[in-house]
Amino acid sequence: MAHEDKDGDRHDQRQAQQQVIRDSGWPVIVVPLDYAGPTIGDNILLGWRDTREAPRAGPDLLTVTKKGTKVKVLRVGKNVQDTMADSDAIDLSEMLSRPDLKPTLEHREAKGDAIADVLNNVALESGAELIAKGATTHALLRDAKLPILIL
């Protein structure tokens, strides 16, 4: 669906984006209004956090990937010293490698930045054409430079 247009949408349409994301039960791609970037599916950034919704992230992400897609699994927060404490993200990366995707796992500390800013910055640094996230924040949608897949 298109990103909310505060200048062009009627007042009663402005909450449609949030309502679809919350109530549909399906993954939703929100595309920025002026987006004219590349086709989605070659390079994806997956914002990862160990939540109850997280197990759906891998299978839902497969709906927009193809053989050879690069998927950077990004965990924002303190770097985990104990590898076993990060086993869920490692398992997800392993699962994504099975259908011939090219996953990598990365940690970044926010260092005072909002998580949305870290996701946007890493996506631009890595050449991603899509940010995928299990749950999203208003800030991520508001400042989106790339399409966002809400899983």
N, C-alpha and C. Protein backbone atom coordinates (compact mmCIF):
# COMPACT_ATOMS: atom_id res chain seq x y z
N MET A 1 0.84 -1.17 0.00
CA MET A 1 0.00 0.00 0.00
C MET A 1 0.88 1.24 0.00
N ALA A 2 0.35 2.31 -0.47
CA ALA A 2 1.10 3.57 -0.52
C ALA A 2 1.24 4.15 0.88
N HIS A 3 2.31 4.87 1.07
CA HIS A 3 2.54 5.57 2.32
C HIS A 3 1.45 6.62 2.49
N GLU A 4 1.12 6.92 3.71
CA GLU A 4 0.13 7.93 4.02
C GLU A 4 0.53 9.28 3.42
N ASP A 5 -0.40 9.97 2.79
CA ASP A 5 -0.14 11.29 2.20
C ASP A 5 -0.90 12.33 3.01
N LYS A 6 -0.19 12.98 3.92
CA LYS A 6 -0.85 13.95 4.80
C LYS A 6 -1.41 15.15 4.05
N ASP A 7 -0.83 15.47 2.89
CA ASP A 7 -1.31 16.62 2.12
C ASP A 7 -2.49 16.26 1.21
N GLY A 8 -2.54 15.01 0.74
CA GLY A 8 -3.55 14.65 -0.25
C GLY A 8 -4.69 13.79 0.26
N ASP A 9 -4.45 13.03 1.32
CA ASP A 9 -5.49 12.14 1.83
C ASP A 9 -6.55 12.92 2.60
N ARG A 10 -7.78 12.45 2.48
CA ARG A 10 -8.84 13.02 3.31
C ARG A 10 -8.56 12.63 4.76
N HIS A 11 -9.11 13.39 5.69
CA HIS A 11 -8.87 13.14 7.10
C HIS A 11 -9.25 11.71 7.50
N ASP A 12 -10.36 11.19 6.97
CA ASP A 12 -10.80 9.84 7.34
C ASP A 12 -9.96 8.74 6.71
N GLN A 13 -9.08 9.08 5.77
CA GLN A 13 -8.20 8.08 5.14
C GLN A 13 -6.84 7.98 5.83
N ARG A 14 -6.52 8.94 6.65
CA ARG A 14 -5.17 9.02 7.19
C ARG A 14 -4.79 7.88 8.12
N GLN A 15 -5.74 7.23 8.72
CA GLN A 15 -5.43 6.12 9.62
C GLN A 15 -5.54 4.77 8.91
N ALA A 16 -5.83 4.77 7.62
CA ALA A 16 -6.01 3.52 6.88
C ALA A 16 -4.75 2.65 6.92
N GLN A 17 -3.59 3.26 6.77
CA GLN A 17 -2.34 2.51 6.77
C GLN A 17 -2.18 1.72 8.08
N GLN A 18 -2.33 2.39 9.20
CA GLN A 18 -2.17 1.72 10.49
C GLN A 18 -3.25 0.66 10.70
N GLN A 19 -4.45 0.94 10.23
CA GLN A 19 -5.54 -0.02 10.39
C GLN A 19 -5.28 -1.28 9.58
N VAL A 20 -4.80 -1.15 8.36
CA VAL A 20 -4.50 -2.32 7.53
C VAL A 20 -3.38 -3.14 8.16
N ILE A 21 -2.33 -2.47 8.62
CA ILE A 21 -1.21 -3.17 9.25
C ILE A 21 -1.68 -3.93 10.49
N ARG A 22 -2.46 -3.29 11.31
CA ARG A 22 -2.90 -3.88 12.57
C ARG A 22 -3.93 -4.99 12.39
N ASP A 23 -4.87 -4.79 11.46
CA ASP A 23 -6.03 -5.67 11.40
C ASP A 23 -6.00 -6.73 10.31
N SER A 24 -5.09 -6.65 9.35
CA SER A 24 -5.15 -7.58 8.22
C SER A 24 -4.70 -8.99 8.56
N GLY A 25 -3.71 -9.12 9.45
CA GLY A 25 -3.19 -10.45 9.75
C GLY A 25 -2.24 -10.95 8.68
N TRP A 26 -1.92 -10.14 7.70
CA TRP A 26 -1.04 -10.51 6.60
C TRP A 26 0.13 -9.54 6.54
N PRO A 27 1.25 -9.97 5.95
CA PRO A 27 2.34 -9.02 5.74
C PRO A 27 1.87 -7.87 4.83
N VAL A 28 2.35 -6.68 5.11
CA VAL A 28 1.96 -5.49 4.34
C VAL A 28 3.23 -4.76 3.93
N ILE A 29 3.34 -4.40 2.66
CA ILE A 29 4.45 -3.57 2.19
C ILE A 29 3.93 -2.15 2.06
N VAL A 30 4.61 -1.22 2.72
CA VAL A 30 4.27 0.19 2.63
C VAL A 30 5.36 0.86 1.80
N VAL A 31 4.95 1.51 0.72
CA VAL A 31 5.89 2.12 -0.22
C VAL A 31 5.85 3.64 -0.06
N PRO A 32 7.02 4.28 0.14
CA PRO A 32 7.05 5.74 0.25
C PRO A 32 6.43 6.39 -0.99
N LEU A 33 5.80 7.53 -0.81
CA LEU A 33 5.07 8.19 -1.89
C LEU A 33 5.91 8.47 -3.12
N ASP A 34 7.12 8.96 -2.96
CA ASP A 34 7.95 9.34 -4.10
C ASP A 34 9.00 8.28 -4.45
N TYR A 35 8.78 7.04 -4.03
CA TYR A 35 9.78 5.99 -4.23
C TYR A 35 9.87 5.61 -5.70
N ALA A 36 11.09 5.63 -6.22
CA ALA A 36 11.33 5.22 -7.60
C ALA A 36 12.58 4.36 -7.64
N GLY A 37 12.74 3.52 -6.63
CA GLY A 37 13.94 2.70 -6.51
C GLY A 37 13.86 1.41 -7.29
N PRO A 38 14.82 0.52 -7.03
CA PRO A 38 14.89 -0.74 -7.77
C PRO A 38 13.77 -1.71 -7.38
N THR A 39 13.62 -2.75 -8.17
CA THR A 39 12.67 -3.80 -7.88
C THR A 39 13.07 -4.50 -6.58
N ILE A 40 12.10 -4.84 -5.79
CA ILE A 40 12.34 -5.49 -4.49
C ILE A 40 12.65 -6.96 -4.69
N GLY A 41 13.63 -7.47 -3.95
CA GLY A 41 13.86 -8.90 -3.93
C GLY A 41 15.31 -9.34 -4.03
N ASP A 42 16.24 -8.42 -4.27
CA ASP A 42 17.65 -8.81 -4.37
C ASP A 42 18.42 -8.59 -3.08
N ASN A 43 18.04 -7.58 -2.29
CA ASN A 43 18.82 -7.21 -1.11
C ASN A 43 17.85 -6.66 -0.06
N ILE A 44 17.68 -7.41 1.02
CA ILE A 44 16.67 -7.08 2.03
C ILE A 44 17.33 -6.96 3.41
N LEU A 45 16.89 -5.98 4.16
CA LEU A 45 17.32 -5.83 5.56
C LEU A 45 16.16 -6.28 6.43
N LEU A 46 16.42 -7.27 7.29
CA LEU A 46 15.41 -7.76 8.21
C LEU A 46 15.78 -7.31 9.61
N GLY A 47 14.99 -6.39 10.16
CA GLY A 47 15.19 -5.96 11.54
C GLY A 47 14.69 -7.06 12.46
N TRP A 48 15.58 -7.59 13.30
CA TRP A 48 15.25 -8.75 14.11
C TRP A 48 15.22 -8.43 15.58
N ARG A 49 14.21 -8.92 16.24
CA ARG A 49 14.10 -8.82 17.69
C ARG A 49 13.37 -10.06 18.16
N ASP A 50 13.83 -10.67 19.21
CA ASP A 50 13.26 -11.91 19.69
C ASP A 50 11.94 -11.63 20.41
N THR A 51 10.85 -11.70 19.66
CA THR A 51 9.51 -11.46 20.20
C THR A 51 8.62 -12.65 19.85
N ARG A 52 7.39 -12.64 20.32
CA ARG A 52 6.49 -13.75 20.03
C ARG A 52 6.10 -13.79 18.56
N GLU A 53 6.17 -12.65 17.86
CA GLU A 53 5.86 -12.61 16.43
C GLU A 53 7.03 -13.06 15.56
N ALA A 54 8.21 -13.12 16.15
CA ALA A 54 9.44 -13.38 15.39
C ALA A 54 9.44 -14.68 14.59
N PRO A 55 8.87 -15.78 15.09
CA PRO A 55 8.91 -17.01 14.29
C PRO A 55 8.26 -16.89 12.91
N ARG A 56 7.34 -15.94 12.73
CA ARG A 56 6.71 -15.74 11.42
C ARG A 56 7.60 -15.00 10.44
N ALA A 57 8.61 -14.31 10.94
CA ALA A 57 9.43 -13.44 10.08
C ALA A 57 10.06 -14.19 8.92
N GLY A 58 10.68 -15.32 9.20
CA GLY A 58 11.35 -16.08 8.14
C GLY A 58 10.40 -16.53 7.04
N PRO A 59 9.36 -17.30 7.39
CA PRO A 59 8.43 -17.75 6.36
C PRO A 59 7.74 -16.60 5.61
N ASP A 60 7.35 -15.56 6.32
CA ASP A 60 6.70 -14.42 5.65
C ASP A 60 7.67 -13.71 4.72
N LEU A 61 8.93 -13.62 5.11
CA LEU A 61 9.93 -12.95 4.28
C LEU A 61 10.15 -13.70 2.96
N LEU A 62 10.00 -15.00 3.00
CA LEU A 62 10.21 -15.82 1.79
C LEU A 62 9.24 -15.45 0.66
N THR A 63 8.13 -14.79 0.99
CA THR A 63 7.17 -14.41 -0.05
C THR A 63 7.70 -13.35 -1.00
N VAL A 64 8.75 -12.64 -0.60
CA VAL A 64 9.30 -11.58 -1.47
C VAL A 64 10.75 -11.83 -1.86
N THR A 65 11.22 -13.05 -1.67
CA THR A 65 12.60 -13.36 -2.02
C THR A 65 12.67 -14.31 -3.20
N LYS A 66 13.86 -14.43 -3.73
CA LYS A 66 14.12 -15.40 -4.80
C LYS A 66 15.50 -15.99 -4.54
N LYS A 67 15.86 -17.00 -5.27
CA LYS A 67 17.16 -17.64 -5.10
C LYS A 67 18.26 -16.59 -5.21
N GLY A 68 19.16 -16.59 -4.22
CA GLY A 68 20.29 -15.66 -4.25
C GLY A 68 20.04 -14.32 -3.58
N THR A 69 18.83 -14.08 -3.08
CA THR A 69 18.56 -12.82 -2.39
C THR A 69 19.46 -12.67 -1.18
N LYS A 70 20.07 -11.50 -1.03
CA LYS A 70 20.86 -11.20 0.16
C LYS A 70 19.90 -10.71 1.24
N VAL A 71 20.01 -11.31 2.42
CA VAL A 71 19.18 -10.90 3.56
C VAL A 71 20.11 -10.61 4.73
N LYS A 72 20.14 -9.36 5.14
CA LYS A 72 20.92 -8.99 6.33
C LYS A 72 19.96 -9.00 7.51
N VAL A 73 20.22 -9.90 8.46
CA VAL A 73 19.44 -9.97 9.68
C VAL A 73 20.13 -9.04 10.67
N LEU A 74 19.45 -7.97 11.05
CA LEU A 74 20.05 -6.94 11.89
C LEU A 74 19.38 -6.91 13.26
N ARG A 75 20.20 -7.08 14.27
CA ARG A 75 19.72 -6.94 15.64
C ARG A 75 20.29 -5.64 16.19
N VAL A 76 19.42 -4.73 16.59
CA VAL A 76 19.85 -3.45 17.14
C VAL A 76 19.79 -3.54 18.66
N GLY A 77 20.91 -3.26 19.29
CA GLY A 77 20.99 -3.31 20.75
C GLY A 77 22.39 -3.67 21.15
N LYS A 78 22.57 -3.96 22.41
CA LYS A 78 23.90 -4.33 22.89
C LYS A 78 24.35 -5.62 22.23
N ASN A 79 25.63 -5.65 21.87
CA ASN A 79 26.20 -6.83 21.24
C ASN A 79 26.18 -7.99 22.24
N VAL A 80 25.73 -9.13 21.79
CA VAL A 80 25.60 -10.30 22.65
C VAL A 80 26.97 -10.95 22.81
N GLN A 81 27.40 -11.12 24.05
CA GLN A 81 28.70 -11.74 24.33
C GLN A 81 28.62 -13.27 24.28
N ASP A 82 27.47 -13.80 24.67
CA ASP A 82 27.26 -15.24 24.69
C ASP A 82 26.50 -15.64 23.43
N THR A 83 27.14 -16.40 22.57
CA THR A 83 26.53 -16.81 21.30
C THR A 83 25.21 -17.52 21.52
N MET A 84 25.10 -18.31 22.57
CA MET A 84 23.86 -19.03 22.83
C MET A 84 22.70 -18.09 23.15
N ALA A 85 22.99 -16.90 23.65
CA ALA A 85 21.95 -15.93 23.94
C ALA A 85 21.35 -15.37 22.64
N ASP A 86 22.04 -15.54 21.54
CA ASP A 86 21.58 -15.06 20.25
C ASP A 86 21.16 -16.21 19.34
N SER A 87 20.83 -17.35 19.95
CA SER A 87 20.55 -18.54 19.16
C SER A 87 19.36 -18.38 18.22
N ASP A 88 18.34 -17.59 18.60
CA ASP A 88 17.19 -17.42 17.73
C ASP A 88 17.57 -16.71 16.42
N ALA A 89 18.39 -15.69 16.51
CA ALA A 89 18.82 -14.98 15.30
C ALA A 89 19.73 -15.87 14.45
N ILE A 90 20.56 -16.67 15.11
CA ILE A 90 21.41 -17.60 14.37
C ILE A 90 20.56 -18.65 13.67
N ASP A 91 19.54 -19.18 14.38
CA ASP A 91 18.64 -20.16 13.77
C ASP A 91 17.90 -19.56 12.57
N LEU A 92 17.45 -18.31 12.71
CA LEU A 92 16.77 -17.66 11.59
C LEU A 92 17.70 -17.53 10.39
N SER A 93 18.92 -17.11 10.62
CA SER A 93 19.89 -16.98 9.52
C SER A 93 20.12 -18.33 8.85
N GLU A 94 20.24 -19.37 9.64
CA GLU A 94 20.41 -20.72 9.09
C GLU A 94 19.20 -21.14 8.27
N MET A 95 17.99 -20.87 8.79
CA MET A 95 16.77 -21.21 8.08
C MET A 95 16.70 -20.49 6.73
N LEU A 96 17.12 -19.22 6.71
CA LEU A 96 17.08 -18.45 5.47
C LEU A 96 18.10 -18.94 4.45
N SER A 97 19.15 -19.62 4.89
CA SER A 97 20.15 -20.12 3.95
C SER A 97 19.66 -21.37 3.22
N ARG A 98 18.69 -22.04 3.75
CA ARG A 98 18.21 -23.29 3.14
C ARG A 98 17.53 -23.09 1.79
N PRO A 99 16.72 -22.05 1.59
CA PRO A 99 16.13 -21.89 0.25
C PRO A 99 17.05 -21.10 -0.69
N ASP A 100 18.36 -21.25 -0.51
CA ASP A 100 19.37 -20.61 -1.37
C ASP A 100 19.36 -19.09 -1.29
N LEU A 101 19.07 -18.55 -0.11
CA LEU A 101 19.24 -17.13 0.12
C LEU A 101 20.64 -16.93 0.67
N LYS A 102 21.07 -15.67 0.76
CA LYS A 102 22.40 -15.36 1.27
C LYS A 102 22.27 -14.49 2.53
N PRO A 103 22.01 -15.14 3.69
CA PRO A 103 21.83 -14.35 4.91
C PRO A 103 23.14 -14.01 5.59
N THR A 104 23.15 -12.86 6.25
CA THR A 104 24.23 -12.49 7.16
C THR A 104 23.57 -11.97 8.43
N LEU A 105 24.27 -12.08 9.53
CA LEU A 105 23.76 -11.62 10.82
C LEU A 105 24.66 -10.50 11.31
N GLU A 106 24.06 -9.40 11.72
CA GLU A 106 24.84 -8.26 12.19
C GLU A 106 24.18 -7.66 13.42
N HIS A 107 25.01 -7.16 14.31
CA HIS A 107 24.54 -6.41 15.49
C HIS A 107 24.99 -4.97 15.34
N ARG A 108 24.14 -4.06 15.74
CA ARG A 108 24.51 -2.65 15.82
C ARG A 108 23.96 -2.09 17.11
N GLU A 109 24.77 -1.30 17.76
CA GLU A 109 24.29 -0.59 18.94
C GLU A 109 23.64 0.71 18.49
N ALA A 110 22.57 1.10 19.13
CA ALA A 110 21.86 2.31 18.75
C ALA A 110 22.68 3.56 19.05
N LYS A 111 23.47 3.55 20.10
CA LYS A 111 24.32 4.69 20.49
C LYS A 111 23.55 6.01 20.50
N GLY A 112 22.37 5.99 21.09
CA GLY A 112 21.57 7.20 21.21
C GLY A 112 20.62 7.44 20.05
N ASP A 113 20.81 6.75 18.94
CA ASP A 113 19.90 6.90 17.81
C ASP A 113 18.65 6.06 18.05
N ALA A 114 17.56 6.47 17.44
CA ALA A 114 16.35 5.66 17.48
C ALA A 114 16.56 4.41 16.62
N ILE A 115 15.91 3.33 16.97
CA ILE A 115 16.04 2.09 16.21
C ILE A 115 15.65 2.31 14.75
N ALA A 116 14.63 3.12 14.51
CA ALA A 116 14.22 3.42 13.13
C ALA A 116 15.36 4.07 12.35
N ASP A 117 16.11 4.96 12.99
CA ASP A 117 17.25 5.61 12.32
C ASP A 117 18.34 4.59 12.00
N VAL A 118 18.60 3.68 12.94
CA VAL A 118 19.62 2.65 12.71
C VAL A 118 19.20 1.76 11.54
N LEU A 119 17.95 1.33 11.51
CA LEU A 119 17.46 0.50 10.41
C LEU A 119 17.59 1.21 9.07
N ASN A 120 17.15 2.46 9.00
CA ASN A 120 17.26 3.23 7.75
C ASN A 120 18.71 3.40 7.33
N ASN A 121 19.59 3.72 8.27
CA ASN A 121 21.01 3.92 7.94
C ASN A 121 21.68 2.65 7.44
N VAL A 122 21.45 1.54 8.13
CA VAL A 122 22.05 0.27 7.71
C VAL A 122 21.49 -0.17 6.37
N ALA A 123 20.21 0.04 6.14
CA ALA A 123 19.61 -0.31 4.85
C ALA A 123 20.27 0.47 3.71
N LEU A 124 20.47 1.76 3.91
CA LEU A 124 21.11 2.58 2.87
C LEU A 124 22.58 2.19 2.69
N GLU A 125 23.29 1.92 3.80
CA GLU A 125 24.70 1.51 3.72
C GLU A 125 24.87 0.20 2.96
N SER A 126 23.96 -0.72 3.17
CA SER A 126 24.10 -2.05 2.58
C SER A 126 23.43 -2.18 1.22
N GLY A 127 22.81 -1.12 0.73
CA GLY A 127 22.17 -1.17 -0.58
C GLY A 127 20.86 -1.93 -0.59
N ALA A 128 20.24 -2.09 0.57
CA ALA A 128 18.96 -2.81 0.64
C ALA A 128 17.90 -2.03 -0.12
N GLU A 129 16.95 -2.78 -0.69
CA GLU A 129 15.84 -2.11 -1.37
C GLU A 129 14.54 -2.30 -0.61
N LEU A 130 14.62 -2.98 0.54
CA LEU A 130 13.44 -3.24 1.36
C LEU A 130 13.89 -3.44 2.80
N ILE A 131 13.12 -2.86 3.73
CA ILE A 131 13.32 -3.12 5.16
C ILE A 131 12.14 -3.98 5.59
N ALA A 132 12.44 -5.13 6.20
CA ALA A 132 11.39 -6.00 6.73
C ALA A 132 11.48 -5.97 8.25
N LYS A 133 10.32 -5.93 8.89
CA LYS A 133 10.30 -5.80 10.35
C LYS A 133 9.05 -6.48 10.86
N GLY A 134 9.18 -7.20 11.97
CA GLY A 134 8.04 -7.91 12.55
C GLY A 134 6.98 -6.97 13.07
N ALA A 135 7.37 -5.95 13.72
CA ALA A 135 6.46 -4.91 14.19
C ALA A 135 7.15 -3.60 13.83
N THR A 136 6.40 -2.58 13.68
CA THR A 136 7.03 -1.33 13.26
C THR A 136 6.61 -0.18 14.14
N THR A 137 7.35 0.88 14.05
CA THR A 137 7.05 2.07 14.83
C THR A 137 6.58 3.16 13.89
N HIS A 138 5.91 4.11 14.46
CA HIS A 138 5.47 5.26 13.67
C HIS A 138 6.67 5.96 13.05
N ALA A 139 7.78 6.04 13.80
CA ALA A 139 8.98 6.71 13.29
C ALA A 139 9.53 6.02 12.05
N LEU A 140 9.54 4.68 12.04
CA LEU A 140 10.05 3.96 10.87
C LEU A 140 9.18 4.24 9.65
N LEU A 141 7.88 4.23 9.81
CA LEU A 141 6.99 4.51 8.68
C LEU A 141 7.08 5.98 8.26
N ARG A 142 7.14 6.87 9.24
CA ARG A 142 7.16 8.31 8.95
C ARG A 142 8.40 8.71 8.16
N ASP A 143 9.56 8.13 8.51
CA ASP A 143 10.82 8.52 7.90
C ASP A 143 11.31 7.56 6.82
N ALA A 144 10.43 6.69 6.35
CA ALA A 144 10.84 5.65 5.40
C ALA A 144 11.37 6.24 4.09
N LYS A 145 12.55 5.75 3.71
CA LYS A 145 13.14 6.11 2.43
C LYS A 145 12.99 4.95 1.45
N LEU A 146 12.73 3.76 2.02
CA LEU A 146 12.59 2.52 1.25
C LEU A 146 11.25 1.89 1.59
N PRO A 147 10.79 0.97 0.74
CA PRO A 147 9.58 0.22 1.11
C PRO A 147 9.84 -0.57 2.40
N ILE A 148 8.80 -0.73 3.18
CA ILE A 148 8.89 -1.45 4.45
C ILE A 148 7.88 -2.58 4.43
N LEU A 149 8.36 -3.78 4.69
CA LEU A 149 7.51 -4.96 4.79
C LEU A 149 7.25 -5.19 6.26
N ILE A 150 6.00 -5.06 6.68
CA ILE A 150 5.64 -5.31 8.05
C ILE A 150 5.13 -6.73 8.10
N LEU A 151 5.84 -7.57 8.83
CA LEU A 151 5.54 -9.01 8.87
C LEU A 151 4.56 -9.33 9.97
